[in-house]
């Protein structure tokens, strides 16, 4: 029995352990298989054990070498052990949010994890793993994030004197597609699979996916034709396409409605009126939360049928 299995066994079963520390059972199974529990979980496990009267201390997490048959499963090489460095870095403006991005020494293009959380949820606090854990999303979870801790699915590298975590750029799209597939799905009794608290995430996921798809087509044509783009040209196109995707969600209501939102949020209304700027994506989220989610079942579907998005 390895170190992780010994700790898990003190809780009884993998399921009880997962419930006690607040993680998915697939994560627990992975930890048991590899024998290693990520460091950031140690404190939570010790706290959960204390509440249940289970004696666990920091020393219990120390991995002791074992003599194992050669047929044993080899531990995967952690991504942070690949000595990655940042070759190029910059910022991408997505829906008004500056998202740091980088090209790593292994050729991977990444977004910084914390900023991706802020982009999709509007809140940078907390890790992204909690947005992948809900049971209703598990059938739609990207393969990359199944049966493994999120720490093992991201790249870890030094950046400006600190240790940063990054998702591959394509991970953002796959996560967005997860929410879109879940939004289309229905339960056996015909209800939406998505929870009310997840519908805002699906709206943002749709805006991001559509905008990046359009930019991707432009980039592919440029690559095929050898066209030399101007500096920041793709970024400007992305901002333009995101603005276009936002419009169907915000053009239904009168100007006073939006003016009151700006007042309550302490935003600069004059910037929108004078510069003719588009509303930030959070306006669409607010509208969905206070208007559309309050409608009786079936009404939204009928509205979309009568006013299809183009």
C-alpha atoms as a PDB file:
ATOM      1  CA  UNK A   1       0.000   0.000   0.000  1.00  0.00           C
ATOM      2  CA  UNK A   2       1.480   3.353  -1.040  1.00  0.00           C
ATOM      3  CA  UNK A   3       1.420   6.617   0.943  1.00  0.00           C
ATOM      4  CA  UNK A   4      -1.742   7.974  -0.697  1.00  0.00           C
ATOM      5  CA  UNK A   5      -3.612   4.681  -0.225  1.00  0.00           C
ATOM      6  CA  UNK A   6      -2.690   4.613   3.472  1.00  0.00           C
ATOM      7  CA  UNK A   7      -4.113   8.104   4.000  1.00  0.00           C
ATOM      8  CA  UNK A   8      -7.280   7.342   2.013  1.00  0.00           C
ATOM      9  CA  UNK A   9      -7.819   4.087   3.905  1.00  0.00           C
ATOM     10  CA  UNK A  10      -8.030   5.999   7.196  1.00  0.00           C
ATOM     11  CA  UNK A  11     -11.283   7.541   5.925  1.00  0.00           C
ATOM     12  CA  UNK A  12     -12.732   4.115   5.088  1.00  0.00           C
ATOM     13  CA  UNK A  13     -13.353   4.257   1.338  1.00  0.00           C
ATOM     14  CA  UNK A  14     -12.344   6.437  -1.599  1.00  0.00           C
ATOM     15  CA  UNK A  15     -15.887   7.808  -1.772  1.00  0.00           C
ATOM     16  CA  UNK A  16     -15.895   8.820   1.906  1.00  0.00           C
ATOM     17  CA  UNK A  17     -12.465  10.390   1.492  1.00  0.00           C
ATOM     18  CA  UNK A  18     -13.615  12.386  -1.562  1.00  0.00           C
ATOM     19  CA  UNK A  19     -16.716  13.639   0.260  1.00  0.00           C
ATOM     20  CA  UNK A  20     -14.718  14.612   3.345  1.00  0.00           C
ATOM     21  CA  UNK A  21     -12.136  16.722   1.505  1.00  0.00           C
ATOM     22  CA  UNK A  22     -14.460  18.041  -1.223  1.00  0.00           C
ATOM     23  CA  UNK A  23     -13.043  16.547  -4.407  1.00  0.00           C
ATOM     24  CA  UNK A  24     -14.074  14.109  -7.118  1.00  0.00           C
ATOM     25  CA  UNK A  25     -13.668  10.390  -6.566  1.00  0.00           C
ATOM     26  CA  UNK A  26     -11.798  10.206  -9.895  1.00  0.00           C
ATOM     27  CA  UNK A  27      -9.120  12.453  -8.370  1.00  0.00           C
ATOM     28  CA  UNK A  28      -8.873  10.175  -5.351  1.00  0.00           C
ATOM     29  CA  UNK A  29      -8.531   7.098  -7.579  1.00  0.00           C
ATOM     30  CA  UNK A  30      -5.737   8.806  -9.482  1.00  0.00           C
ATOM     31  CA  UNK A  31      -3.915   9.749  -6.281  1.00  0.00           C
ATOM     32  CA  UNK A  32      -4.214   6.185  -5.025  1.00  0.00           C
ATOM     33  CA  UNK A  33      -2.830   4.817  -8.294  1.00  0.00           C
ATOM     34  CA  UNK A  34       0.164   7.166  -8.407  1.00  0.00           C
ATOM     35  CA  UNK A  35       0.776   7.184  -4.658  1.00  0.00           C
ATOM     36  CA  UNK A  36       1.013  10.968  -4.573  1.00  0.00           C
ATOM     37  CA  UNK A  37      -1.469  13.549  -3.241  1.00  0.00           C
ATOM     38  CA  UNK A  38      -0.836  17.112  -4.527  1.00  0.00           C
ATOM     39  CA  UNK A  39       0.638  19.381  -1.863  1.00  0.00           C
ATOM     40  CA  UNK A  40      -2.192  21.921  -1.982  1.00  0.00           C
ATOM     41  CA  UNK A  41      -4.616  19.250  -0.700  1.00  0.00           C
ATOM     42  CA  UNK A  42      -2.588  18.334   2.391  1.00  0.00           C
ATOM     43  CA  UNK A  43      -4.010  21.093   4.584  1.00  0.00           C
ATOM     44  CA  UNK A  44      -7.602  20.323   3.573  1.00  0.00           C
ATOM     45  CA  UNK A  45      -7.109  16.625   4.281  1.00  0.00           C
ATOM     46  CA  UNK A  46      -5.586  17.271   7.707  1.00  0.00           C
ATOM     47  CA  UNK A  47      -8.474  19.628   8.539  1.00  0.00           C
ATOM     48  CA  UNK A  48     -11.107  17.116   7.364  1.00  0.00           C
ATOM     49  CA  UNK A  49      -9.415  14.339   9.317  1.00  0.00           C
ATOM     50  CA  UNK A  50      -9.415  16.476  12.472  1.00  0.00           C
ATOM     51  CA  UNK A  51     -13.171  17.019  12.224  1.00  0.00           C
ATOM     52  CA  UNK A  52     -13.699  13.265  11.958  1.00  0.00           C
ATOM     53  CA  UNK A  53     -11.242  12.401  14.723  1.00  0.00           C
ATOM     54  CA  UNK A  54      -8.828  10.704  12.310  1.00  0.00           C
ATOM     55  CA  UNK A  55      -5.139  11.056  13.296  1.00  0.00           C
ATOM     56  CA  UNK A  56      -3.297  12.500  10.275  1.00  0.00           C
ATOM     57  CA  UNK A  57      -0.326  14.885  10.317  1.00  0.00           C
ATOM     58  CA  UNK A  58       1.961  16.472   7.722  1.00  0.00           C
ATOM     59  CA  UNK A  59       4.510  13.692   8.194  1.00  0.00           C
ATOM     60  CA  UNK A  60       1.993  11.154   6.882  1.00  0.00           C
ATOM     61  CA  UNK A  61       2.287  12.689   3.408  1.00  0.00           C
ATOM     62  CA  UNK A  62       6.005  11.982   3.096  1.00  0.00           C
ATOM     63  CA  UNK A  63       6.471   9.409   0.346  1.00  0.00           C
ATOM     64  CA  UNK A  64       8.738   6.557   1.389  1.00  0.00           C
ATOM     65  CA  UNK A  65      10.456   4.530  -1.350  1.00  0.00           C
ATOM     66  CA  UNK A  66       9.098   1.049  -1.881  1.00  0.00           C
ATOM     67  CA  UNK A  67      10.663  -1.913  -3.604  1.00  0.00           C
ATOM     68  CA  UNK A  68       8.172  -2.681  -6.363  1.00  0.00           C
ATOM     69  CA  UNK A  69       8.044  -5.280  -9.114  1.00  0.00           C
ATOM     70  CA  UNK A  70       9.047  -3.949 -12.540  1.00  0.00           C
ATOM     71  CA  UNK A  71       5.486  -4.557 -13.712  1.00  0.00           C
ATOM     72  CA  UNK A  72       4.183  -1.798 -11.415  1.00  0.00           C
ATOM     73  CA  UNK A  73       2.730   1.301 -13.073  1.00  0.00           C
ATOM     74  CA  UNK A  74       5.376   4.006 -13.459  1.00  0.00           C
ATOM     75  CA  UNK A  75       4.558   7.426 -12.114  1.00  0.00           C
ATOM     76  CA  UNK A  76       3.895   9.995 -14.825  1.00  0.00           C
ATOM     77  CA  UNK A  77       6.411  12.803 -15.165  1.00  0.00           C
ATOM     78  CA  UNK A  78       4.861  15.905 -13.588  1.00  0.00           C
ATOM     79  CA  UNK A  79       4.622  18.786 -16.016  1.00  0.00           C
ATOM     80  CA  UNK A  80       6.445  21.083 -13.615  1.00  0.00           C
ATOM     81  CA  UNK A  81       9.514  18.817 -13.779  1.00  0.00           C
ATOM     82  CA  UNK A  82      10.048  19.518 -17.472  1.00  0.00           C
ATOM     83  CA  UNK A  83      12.106  22.677 -16.747  1.00  0.00           C
ATOM     84  CA  UNK A  84       9.808  24.809 -18.857  1.00  0.00           C
ATOM     85  CA  UNK A  85      10.595  28.428 -19.598  1.00  0.00           C
ATOM     86  CA  UNK A  86       8.651  31.254 -21.228  1.00  0.00           C
ATOM     87  CA  UNK A  87       9.888  32.035 -24.749  1.00  0.00           C
ATOM     88  CA  UNK A  88       7.400  34.824 -25.494  1.00  0.00           C
ATOM     89  CA  UNK A  89       4.622  36.382 -23.435  1.00  0.00           C
ATOM     90  CA  UNK A  90       1.902  38.961 -23.898  1.00  0.00           C
ATOM     91  CA  UNK A  91      -1.724  39.814 -23.142  1.00  0.00           C
ATOM     92  CA  UNK A  92      -4.857  38.987 -25.095  1.00  0.00           C
ATOM     93  CA  UNK A  93      -7.923  41.183 -24.649  1.00  0.00           C
ATOM     94  CA  UNK A  94     -10.909  38.838 -24.419  1.00  0.00           C
ATOM     95  CA  UNK A  95     -14.288  40.426 -23.667  1.00  0.00           C
ATOM     96  CA  UNK A  96     -12.569  43.372 -22.017  1.00  0.00           C
ATOM     97  CA  UNK A  97     -10.411  41.191 -19.769  1.00  0.00           C
ATOM     98  CA  UNK A  98      -6.635  41.192 -20.210  1.00  0.00           C
ATOM     99  CA  UNK A  99      -5.591  37.538 -20.240  1.00  0.00           C
ATOM    100  CA  UNK A 100      -1.820  36.895 -19.999  1.00  0.00           C
ATOM    101  CA  UNK A 101      -0.607  34.283 -22.455  1.00  0.00           C
ATOM    102  CA  UNK A 102       2.730  32.744 -23.330  1.00  0.00           C
ATOM    103  CA  UNK A 103       4.612  30.427 -25.643  1.00  0.00           C
ATOM    104  CA  UNK A 104       6.621  27.897 -23.609  1.00  0.00           C
ATOM    105  CA  UNK A 105       9.946  26.289 -24.407  1.00  0.00           C
ATOM    106  CA  UNK A 106       8.144  23.059 -25.357  1.00  0.00           C
ATOM    107  CA  UNK A 107       6.180  24.926 -28.025  1.00  0.00           C
ATOM    108  CA  UNK A 108       2.893  24.953 -26.115  1.00  0.00           C
ATOM    109  CA  UNK A 109       0.710  28.070 -26.226  1.00  0.00           C
ATOM    110  CA  UNK A 110      -0.851  28.708 -22.839  1.00  0.00           C
ATOM    111  CA  UNK A 111      -3.218  31.007 -20.982  1.00  0.00           C
ATOM    112  CA  UNK A 112      -2.514  31.679 -17.312  1.00  0.00           C
ATOM    113  CA  UNK A 113      -4.916  29.650 -15.164  1.00  0.00           C
ATOM    114  CA  UNK A 114      -6.008  32.414 -12.780  1.00  0.00           C
ATOM    115  CA  UNK A 115      -6.995  34.739 -15.612  1.00  0.00           C
ATOM    116  CA  UNK A 116      -9.002  31.998 -17.333  1.00  0.00           C
ATOM    117  CA  UNK A 117     -11.017  31.606 -14.137  1.00  0.00           C
ATOM    118  CA  UNK A 118     -11.700  35.351 -14.175  1.00  0.00           C
ATOM    119  CA  UNK A 119     -12.602  35.314 -17.867  1.00  0.00           C
ATOM    120  CA  UNK A 120     -15.257  32.619 -17.548  1.00  0.00           C
ATOM    121  CA  UNK A 121     -16.591  33.406 -14.095  1.00  0.00           C
ATOM    122  CA  UNK A 122     -15.868  37.096 -13.516  1.00  0.00           C
ATOM    123  CA  UNK A 123     -14.020  36.145 -10.318  1.00  0.00           C
ATOM    124  CA  UNK A 124     -10.315  35.301 -10.143  1.00  0.00           C
ATOM    125  CA  UNK A 125     -10.560  34.013  -6.577  1.00  0.00           C
ATOM    126  CA  UNK A 126     -10.265  30.278  -6.104  1.00  0.00           C
ATOM    127  CA  UNK A 127      -8.973  27.590  -8.413  1.00  0.00           C
ATOM    128  CA  UNK A 128     -10.626  26.384 -11.564  1.00  0.00           C
ATOM    129  CA  UNK A 129     -11.046  22.795 -10.391  1.00  0.00           C
ATOM    130  CA  UNK A 130     -14.329  23.561  -8.588  1.00  0.00           C
ATOM    131  CA  UNK A 131     -15.892  24.527 -11.926  1.00  0.00           C
ATOM    132  CA  UNK A 132     -15.003  21.100 -13.348  1.00  0.00           C
ATOM    133  CA  UNK A 133     -16.220  19.081 -10.358  1.00  0.00           C
ATOM    134  CA  UNK A 134     -20.062  19.384 -10.491  1.00  0.00           C
ATOM    135  CA  UNK A 135     -21.595  15.961 -11.165  1.00  0.00           C
ATOM    136  CA  UNK A 136     -23.916  17.306 -13.876  1.00  0.00           C
ATOM    137  CA  UNK A 137     -20.888  18.309 -15.977  1.00  0.00           C
ATOM    138  CA  UNK A 138     -18.990  15.017 -15.737  1.00  0.00           C
ATOM    139  CA  UNK A 139     -20.455  13.469 -18.946  1.00  0.00           C
ATOM    140  CA  UNK A 140     -19.218  16.514 -20.880  1.00  0.00           C
ATOM    141  CA  UNK A 141     -15.818  16.938 -19.229  1.00  0.00           C
ATOM    142  CA  UNK A 142     -12.892  17.108 -21.713  1.00  0.00           C
ATOM    143  CA  UNK A 143     -10.872  13.872 -21.731  1.00  0.00           C
ATOM    144  CA  UNK A 144      -7.785  15.762 -20.614  1.00  0.00           C
ATOM    145  CA  UNK A 145      -9.386  16.581 -17.264  1.00  0.00           C
ATOM    146  CA  UNK A 146     -10.954  13.184 -16.565  1.00  0.00           C
ATOM    147  CA  UNK A 147      -9.496  10.883 -13.911  1.00  0.00           C
ATOM    148  CA  UNK A 148      -6.730  13.286 -12.929  1.00  0.00           C
ATOM    149  CA  UNK A 149      -6.117  16.228 -10.655  1.00  0.00           C
ATOM    150  CA  UNK A 150      -6.134  19.587 -12.395  1.00  0.00           C
ATOM    151  CA  UNK A 151      -2.544  20.143 -11.223  1.00  0.00           C
ATOM    152  CA  UNK A 152      -1.528  17.331 -13.565  1.00  0.00           C
ATOM    153  CA  UNK A 153      -3.348  18.856 -16.541  1.00  0.00           C
ATOM    154  CA  UNK A 154      -1.673  22.267 -16.498  1.00  0.00           C
ATOM    155  CA  UNK A 155       1.846  23.436 -17.240  1.00  0.00           C
ATOM    156  CA  UNK A 156       3.849  24.897 -14.363  1.00  0.00           C
ATOM    157  CA  UNK A 157       6.667  27.328 -15.123  1.00  0.00           C
ATOM    158  CA  UNK A 158       8.567  30.286 -13.622  1.00  0.00           C
ATOM    159  CA  UNK A 159       7.320  33.720 -14.660  1.00  0.00           C
ATOM    160  CA  UNK A 160       8.543  37.080 -13.357  1.00  0.00           C
ATOM    161  CA  UNK A 161       9.964  35.610 -10.191  1.00  0.00           C
ATOM    162  CA  UNK A 162       6.919  33.476  -9.382  1.00  0.00           C
ATOM    163  CA  UNK A 163       5.581  30.043 -10.290  1.00  0.00           C
ATOM    164  CA  UNK A 164       2.713  30.216 -12.780  1.00  0.00           C
ATOM    165  CA  UNK A 165       0.211  27.640 -14.017  1.00  0.00           C
ATOM    166  CA  UNK A 166      -1.053  27.632 -17.574  1.00  0.00           C
ATOM    167  CA  UNK A 167      -3.762  25.921 -19.595  1.00  0.00           C
ATOM    168  CA  UNK A 168      -3.074  25.123 -23.224  1.00  0.00           C
ATOM    169  CA  UNK A 169      -4.889  27.627 -25.418  1.00  0.00           C
ATOM    170  CA  UNK A 170      -7.087  24.876 -26.835  1.00  0.00           C
ATOM    171  CA  UNK A 171      -8.123  23.881 -23.301  1.00  0.00           C
ATOM    172  CA  UNK A 172     -10.121  27.110 -23.072  1.00  0.00           C
ATOM    173  CA  UNK A 173     -12.190  26.139 -26.094  1.00  0.00           C
ATOM    174  CA  UNK A 174     -12.735  22.576 -24.849  1.00  0.00           C
ATOM    175  CA  UNK A 175     -13.920  23.880 -21.482  1.00  0.00           C
ATOM    176  CA  UNK A 176     -16.271  26.291 -23.255  1.00  0.00           C
ATOM    177  CA  UNK A 177     -17.601  23.427 -25.385  1.00  0.00           C
ATOM    178  CA  UNK A 178     -18.259  21.452 -22.200  1.00  0.00           C
ATOM    179  CA  UNK A 179     -20.694  24.132 -21.027  1.00  0.00           C
ATOM    180  CA  UNK A 180     -22.306  24.403 -24.460  1.00  0.00           C
ATOM    181  CA  UNK A 181     -22.893  20.638 -24.735  1.00  0.00           C
ATOM    182  CA  UNK A 182     -24.301  20.578 -21.211  1.00  0.00           C
ATOM    183  CA  UNK A 183     -26.629  23.475 -22.061  1.00  0.00           C
ATOM    184  CA  UNK A 184     -28.067  21.539 -25.010  1.00  0.00           C
ATOM    185  CA  UNK A 185     -28.570  18.359 -22.985  1.00  0.00           C
ATOM    186  CA  UNK A 186     -31.760  17.440 -21.125  1.00  0.00           C
ATOM    187  CA  UNK A 187     -32.458  15.154 -18.196  1.00  0.00           C
ATOM    188  CA  UNK A 188     -34.821  12.195 -18.529  1.00  0.00           C
ATOM    189  CA  UNK A 189     -37.729  14.377 -17.406  1.00  0.00           C
ATOM    190  CA  UNK A 190     -36.912  17.043 -19.998  1.00  0.00           C
ATOM    191  CA  UNK A 191     -35.223  19.574 -17.714  1.00  0.00           C
ATOM    192  CA  UNK A 192     -32.002  21.406 -18.499  1.00  0.00           C
ATOM    193  CA  UNK A 193     -28.846  19.650 -17.349  1.00  0.00           C
ATOM    194  CA  UNK A 194     -27.238  22.989 -16.508  1.00  0.00           C
ATOM    195  CA  UNK A 195     -27.890  24.474 -13.100  1.00  0.00           C
ATOM    196  CA  UNK A 196     -29.126  28.048 -12.860  1.00  0.00           C
ATOM    197  CA  UNK A 197     -25.746  29.160 -11.506  1.00  0.00           C
ATOM    198  CA  UNK A 198     -24.017  27.696 -14.576  1.00  0.00           C
ATOM    199  CA  UNK A 199     -26.078  29.426 -17.261  1.00  0.00           C
ATOM    200  CA  UNK A 200     -24.012  32.618 -17.140  1.00  0.00           C
ATOM    201  CA  UNK A 201     -20.914  30.498 -17.733  1.00  0.00           C
ATOM    202  CA  UNK A 202     -22.544  28.961 -20.805  1.00  0.00           C
ATOM    203  CA  UNK A 203     -23.330  32.424 -22.218  1.00  0.00           C
ATOM    204  CA  UNK A 204     -19.726  33.516 -21.793  1.00  0.00           C
ATOM    205  CA  UNK A 205     -18.515  30.200 -23.242  1.00  0.00           C
ATOM    206  CA  UNK A 206     -20.628  30.721 -26.365  1.00  0.00           C
ATOM    207  CA  UNK A 207     -19.340  34.268 -26.880  1.00  0.00           C
ATOM    208  CA  UNK A 208     -15.715  33.146 -26.542  1.00  0.00           C
ATOM    209  CA  UNK A 209     -16.091  30.076 -28.778  1.00  0.00           C
ATOM    210  CA  UNK A 210     -17.822  31.916 -31.612  1.00  0.00           C
ATOM    211  CA  UNK A 211     -15.327  34.781 -31.554  1.00  0.00           C
ATOM    212  CA  UNK A 212     -12.264  32.519 -31.588  1.00  0.00           C
ATOM    213  CA  UNK A 213     -13.759  30.418 -34.392  1.00  0.00           C
ATOM    214  CA  UNK A 214     -14.048  33.513 -36.585  1.00  0.00           C
ATOM    215  CA  UNK A 215     -10.499  34.627 -35.805  1.00  0.00           C
ATOM    216  CA  UNK A 216      -9.284  31.093 -36.543  1.00  0.00           C
ATOM    217  CA  UNK A 217     -10.758  31.195 -40.042  1.00  0.00           C
ATOM    218  CA  UNK A 218      -9.059  34.527 -40.742  1.00  0.00           C
ATOM    219  CA  UNK A 219      -5.724  33.225 -39.411  1.00  0.00           C
ATOM    220  CA  UNK A 220      -5.980  30.059 -41.532  1.00  0.00           C
ATOM    221  CA  UNK A 221      -6.540  32.103 -44.699  1.00  0.00           C
ATOM    222  CA  UNK A 222      -3.610  34.375 -43.815  1.00  0.00           C
ATOM    223  CA  UNK A 223      -1.404  31.315 -43.287  1.00  0.00           C
ATOM    224  CA  UNK A 224      -2.454  29.748 -46.603  1.00  0.00           C
ATOM    225  CA  UNK A 225      -1.983  32.948 -48.606  1.00  0.00           C
ATOM    226  CA  UNK A 226       1.152  34.187 -46.870  1.00  0.00           C
ATOM    227  CA  UNK A 227      -0.579  37.446 -45.948  1.00  0.00           C
ATOM    228  CA  UNK A 228       1.470  39.537 -43.543  1.00  0.00           C
ATOM    229  CA  UNK A 229      -0.895  40.775 -40.864  1.00  0.00           C
ATOM    230  CA  UNK A 230      -0.460  44.063 -39.064  1.00  0.00           C
ATOM    231  CA  UNK A 231       0.544  44.169 -35.392  1.00  0.00           C
ATOM    232  CA  UNK A 232      -2.342  43.187 -33.065  1.00  0.00           C
ATOM    233  CA  UNK A 233      -4.615  42.635 -36.076  1.00  0.00           C
ATOM    234  CA  UNK A 234      -5.991  39.326 -34.756  1.00  0.00           C
ATOM    235  CA  UNK A 235      -6.524  40.834 -31.315  1.00  0.00           C
ATOM    236  CA  UNK A 236      -8.554  43.676 -32.836  1.00  0.00           C
ATOM    237  CA  UNK A 237     -10.609  41.155 -34.815  1.00  0.00           C
ATOM    238  CA  UNK A 238     -11.241  39.126 -31.655  1.00  0.00           C
ATOM    239  CA  UNK A 239     -12.518  42.219 -29.835  1.00  0.00           C
ATOM    240  CA  UNK A 240     -14.757  43.038 -32.811  1.00  0.00           C
ATOM    241  CA  UNK A 241     -16.220  39.531 -33.007  1.00  0.00           C
ATOM    242  CA  UNK A 242     -16.842  39.383 -29.252  1.00  0.00           C
ATOM    243  CA  UNK A 243     -18.705  42.687 -29.469  1.00  0.00           C
ATOM    244  CA  UNK A 244     -20.856  41.240 -32.267  1.00  0.00           C
ATOM    245  CA  UNK A 245     -21.621  38.106 -30.245  1.00  0.00           C
ATOM    246  CA  UNK A 246     -22.686  40.189 -27.247  1.00  0.00           C
ATOM    247  CA  UNK A 247     -25.269  42.223 -29.128  1.00  0.00           C
ATOM    248  CA  UNK A 248     -28.101  39.616 -29.281  1.00  0.00           C
ATOM    249  CA  UNK A 249     -27.970  39.393 -25.486  1.00  0.00           C
ATOM    250  CA  UNK A 250     -28.143  43.132 -24.769  1.00  0.00           C
ATOM    251  CA  UNK A 251     -30.065  44.898 -27.547  1.00  0.00           C
ATOM    252  CA  UNK A 252     -33.578  43.931 -26.393  1.00  0.00           C
ATOM    253  CA  UNK A 253     -33.886  46.434 -23.524  1.00  0.00           C
ATOM    254  CA  UNK A 254     -34.062  50.244 -23.488  1.00  0.00           C
ATOM    255  CA  UNK A 255     -31.236  52.645 -22.735  1.00  0.00           C
ATOM    256  CA  UNK A 256     -32.530  53.458 -19.238  1.00  0.00           C
ATOM    257  CA  UNK A 257     -32.257  49.775 -18.260  1.00  0.00           C
ATOM    258  CA  UNK A 258     -28.528  49.763 -19.041  1.00  0.00           C
ATOM    259  CA  UNK A 259     -27.987  53.199 -17.517  1.00  0.00           C
ATOM    260  CA  UNK A 260     -29.312  51.904 -14.191  1.00  0.00           C
ATOM    261  CA  UNK A 261     -26.980  48.891 -14.355  1.00  0.00           C
ATOM    262  CA  UNK A 262     -24.040  51.243 -14.898  1.00  0.00           C
ATOM    263  CA  UNK A 263     -25.180  53.384 -11.965  1.00  0.00           C
ATOM    264  CA  UNK A 264     -25.453  50.409  -9.616  1.00  0.00           C
ATOM    265  CA  UNK A 265     -22.085  49.021 -10.750  1.00  0.00           C
ATOM    266  CA  UNK A 266     -20.470  52.483 -10.571  1.00  0.00           C
ATOM    267  CA  UNK A 267     -19.393  52.250 -14.228  1.00  0.00           C
ATOM    268  CA  UNK A 268     -18.779  55.197 -16.551  1.00  0.00           C
ATOM    269  CA  UNK A 269     -21.982  55.586 -18.590  1.00  0.00           C
ATOM    270  CA  UNK A 270     -20.535  58.561 -20.490  1.00  0.00           C
ATOM    271  CA  UNK A 271     -17.896  56.334 -22.081  1.00  0.00           C
ATOM    272  CA  UNK A 272     -20.609  54.267 -23.742  1.00  0.00           C
ATOM    273  CA  UNK A 273     -22.713  57.242 -24.888  1.00  0.00           C
ATOM    274  CA  UNK A 274     -19.890  59.473 -26.107  1.00  0.00           C
ATOM    275  CA  UNK A 275     -17.523  56.864 -27.548  1.00  0.00           C
ATOM    276  CA  UNK A 276     -20.348  54.566 -28.719  1.00  0.00           C
ATOM    277  CA  UNK A 277     -18.673  51.632 -27.025  1.00  0.00           C
ATOM    278  CA  UNK A 278     -20.262  48.211 -26.634  1.00  0.00           C
ATOM    279  CA  UNK A 279     -21.424  47.121 -23.193  1.00  0.00           C
ATOM    280  CA  UNK A 280     -19.053  44.824 -21.238  1.00  0.00           C
ATOM    281  CA  UNK A 281     -19.945  41.129 -21.275  1.00  0.00           C
ATOM    282  CA  UNK A 282     -20.998  41.263 -17.613  1.00  0.00           C
ATOM    283  CA  UNK A 283     -24.123  43.184 -18.713  1.00  0.00           C
ATOM    284  CA  UNK A 284     -25.268  40.091 -20.604  1.00  0.00           C
ATOM    285  CA  UNK A 285     -24.694  37.968 -17.502  1.00  0.00           C
ATOM    286  CA  UNK A 286     -26.701  40.369 -15.325  1.00  0.00           C
ATOM    287  CA  UNK A 287     -29.562  40.453 -17.843  1.00  0.00           C
ATOM    288  CA  UNK A 288     -29.674  36.678 -18.013  1.00  0.00           C
ATOM    289  CA  UNK A 289     -29.695  36.375 -14.223  1.00  0.00           C
ATOM    290  CA  UNK A 290     -32.363  38.970 -13.392  1.00  0.00           C
ATOM    291  CA  UNK A 291     -34.613  38.558 -16.429  1.00  0.00           C
ATOM    292  CA  UNK A 292     -34.366  35.338 -18.396  1.00  0.00           C
ATOM    293  CA  UNK A 293     -33.826  32.949 -15.469  1.00  0.00           C
ATOM    294  CA  UNK A 294     -37.033  34.259 -13.864  1.00  0.00           C
ATOM    295  CA  UNK A 295     -39.181  33.278 -16.855  1.00  0.00           C
ATOM    296  CA  UNK A 296     -41.367  30.143 -16.650  1.00  0.00           C
ATOM    297  CA  UNK A 297     -40.004  26.921 -18.229  1.00  0.00           C
ATOM    298  CA  UNK A 298     -40.348  26.865 -21.998  1.00  0.00           C
ATOM    299  CA  UNK A 299     -40.631  30.634 -22.440  1.00  0.00           C
ATOM    300  CA  UNK A 300     -36.943  31.134 -23.293  1.00  0.00           C
ATOM    301  CA  UNK A 301     -37.092  28.372 -25.904  1.00  0.00           C
ATOM    302  CA  UNK A 302     -40.130  30.035 -27.482  1.00  0.00           C
ATOM    303  CA  UNK A 303     -38.430  33.449 -27.497  1.00  0.00           C
ATOM    304  CA  UNK A 304     -35.399  31.969 -29.221  1.00  0.00           C
ATOM    305  CA  UNK A 305     -37.679  30.299 -31.756  1.00  0.00           C
ATOM    306  CA  UNK A 306     -39.440  33.593 -32.550  1.00  0.00           C
ATOM    307  CA  UNK A 307     -36.227  35.631 -32.491  1.00  0.00           C
ATOM    308  CA  UNK A 308     -33.447  33.329 -33.719  1.00  0.00           C
ATOM    309  CA  UNK A 309     -29.890  34.568 -33.306  1.00  0.00           C
ATOM    310  CA  UNK A 310     -28.103  35.339 -36.565  1.00  0.00           C
END
